[in-house]
C-alpha atoms as a PDB file:
ATOM      1  CA  MET A   1     -12.202   4.453  -4.595  1.00  0.00           C
ATOM      2  CA  LYS A   2     -10.753   1.412  -2.828  1.00  0.00           C
ATOM      3  CA  THR A   3      -8.274  -0.364  -4.486  1.00  0.00           C
ATOM      4  CA  GLU A   4      -6.471  -3.743  -2.783  1.00  0.00           C
ATOM      5  CA  PHE A   5      -3.153  -5.047  -3.798  1.00  0.00           C
ATOM      6  CA  ILE A   6      -0.867  -8.121  -3.173  1.00  0.00           C
ATOM      7  CA  VAL A   7       2.160  -6.772  -0.940  1.00  0.00           C
ATOM      8  CA  SER A   8       4.038 -10.440  -0.596  1.00  0.00           C
ATOM      9  CA  ASP A   9       7.019  -9.482   1.247  1.00  0.00           C
ATOM     10  CA  MET A  10       4.931  -7.000   4.091  1.00  0.00           C
ATOM     11  CA  THR A  11       6.308  -8.741   7.012  1.00  0.00           C
ATOM     12  CA  CYS A  12       5.931  -7.255   9.894  1.00  0.00           C
ATOM     13  CA  ASN A  13       3.787  -3.900  11.800  1.00  0.00           C
ATOM     14  CA  HIS A  14       7.708  -2.112  10.466  1.00  0.00           C
ATOM     15  CA  CYS A  15       6.831  -2.808   7.277  1.00  0.00           C
ATOM     16  CA  VAL A  16       3.316  -1.589   7.002  1.00  0.00           C
ATOM     17  CA  GLN A  17       4.479   2.132   8.891  1.00  0.00           C
ATOM     18  CA  THR A  18       6.254   2.372   6.000  1.00  0.00           C
ATOM     19  CA  ILE A  19       3.666   1.661   3.718  1.00  0.00           C
ATOM     20  CA  THR A  20       1.117   3.510   4.652  1.00  0.00           C
ATOM     21  CA  GLN A  21       3.691   6.505   4.894  1.00  0.00           C
ATOM     22  CA  ALA A  22       5.037   5.823   1.602  1.00  0.00           C
ATOM     23  CA  VAL A  23       1.482   5.650  -0.032  1.00  0.00           C
ATOM     24  CA  GLN A  24      -0.017   8.681   2.202  1.00  0.00           C
ATOM     25  CA  ALA A  25       2.923  10.701   0.943  1.00  0.00           C
ATOM     26  CA  ALA A  26       1.320   9.674  -3.051  1.00  0.00           C
ATOM     27  CA  ALA A  27      -1.702  10.791  -1.726  1.00  0.00           C
ATOM     28  CA  PRO A  28      -2.215  12.779   1.132  1.00  0.00           C
ATOM     29  CA  GLY A  29      -5.471  12.144   2.890  1.00  0.00           C
ATOM     30  CA  ALA A  30      -5.574   8.093   1.764  1.00  0.00           C
ATOM     31  CA  VAL A  31      -6.251   5.447   3.967  1.00  0.00           C
ATOM     32  CA  VAL A  32      -4.138   2.394   4.325  1.00  0.00           C
ATOM     33  CA  SER A  33      -5.337  -0.300   5.902  1.00  0.00           C
ATOM     34  CA  ALA A  34      -3.591  -3.649   6.210  1.00  0.00           C
ATOM     35  CA  ASP A  35      -4.064  -7.450   6.905  1.00  0.00           C
ATOM     36  CA  LEU A  36      -0.204  -8.614   7.537  1.00  0.00           C
ATOM     37  CA  ASN A  37      -1.430 -12.802   7.410  1.00  0.00           C
ATOM     38  CA  ALA A  38      -2.959 -11.916   4.172  1.00  0.00           C
ATOM     39  CA  HIS A  39      -0.219  -9.755   2.717  1.00  0.00           C
ATOM     40  CA  ARG A  40      -2.931  -7.584   2.088  1.00  0.00           C
ATOM     41  CA  VAL A  41      -3.681  -3.472   1.154  1.00  0.00           C
ATOM     42  CA  VAL A  42      -6.362  -1.537   1.011  1.00  0.00           C
ATOM     43  CA  VAL A  43      -6.258   1.984   0.099  1.00  0.00           C
ATOM     44  CA  GLU A  44      -9.077   4.709   0.230  1.00  0.00           C
ATOM     45  CA  SER A  45      -8.161   7.351  -2.387  1.00  0.00           C
ATOM     46  CA  ALA A  46      -9.064   9.128  -5.197  1.00  0.00           C
ATOM     47  CA  ALA A  47      -5.527   8.455  -6.331  1.00  0.00           C
ATOM     48  CA  ASP A  48      -4.574   6.908  -9.457  1.00  0.00           C
ATOM     49  CA  ALA A  49      -4.312   3.150  -8.615  1.00  0.00           C
ATOM     50  CA  GLY A  50      -1.029   3.249 -10.632  1.00  0.00           C
ATOM     51  CA  VAL A  51      -0.044   6.180  -7.772  1.00  0.00           C
ATOM     52  CA  LEU A  52      -0.212   3.948  -5.674  1.00  0.00           C
ATOM     53  CA  ARG A  53       1.082   1.166  -6.717  1.00  0.00           C
ATOM     54  CA  ALA A  54       4.659   2.431  -7.398  1.00  0.00           C
ATOM     55  CA  ALA A  55       4.874   4.589  -4.291  1.00  0.00           C
ATOM     56  CA  ILE A  56       5.161   0.797  -2.481  1.00  0.00           C
ATOM     57  CA  ALA A  57       7.055  -0.275  -5.505  1.00  0.00           C
ATOM     58  CA  ASP A  58       9.661   2.790  -4.988  1.00  0.00           C
ATOM     59  CA  GLU A  59      10.163   1.123  -1.235  1.00  0.00           C
ATOM     60  CA  GLY A  60      10.828  -1.763  -2.218  1.00  0.00           C
ATOM     61  CA  TYR A  61       8.284  -4.147  -1.944  1.00  0.00           C
ATOM     62  CA  ASP A  62       6.619  -6.160  -4.224  1.00  0.00           C
ATOM     63  CA  VAL A  63       3.022  -5.463  -5.422  1.00  0.00           C
ATOM     64  CA  ARG A  64       0.648  -6.100  -7.568  1.00  0.00           C
ATOM     65  CA  PRO A  65      -3.105  -5.731  -7.698  1.00  0.00           C
ATOM     66  CA  ALA A  66      -4.824  -8.091  -5.443  1.00  0.00           C
END
């Protein structure tokens, strides 16, 4: 299942790496793709969207559903 988020303060590749690692720690096997220009993160995982969102927020990012 695909879950999309807007992460308005994701501004660089380091942000993408941090978010990817956080999501994959919360949902092993998740596939994460990010579009820096659109501030959009797409996660392919069976994990609950709330779990994924919390993993990103716990890293200090402002995250909301797309």
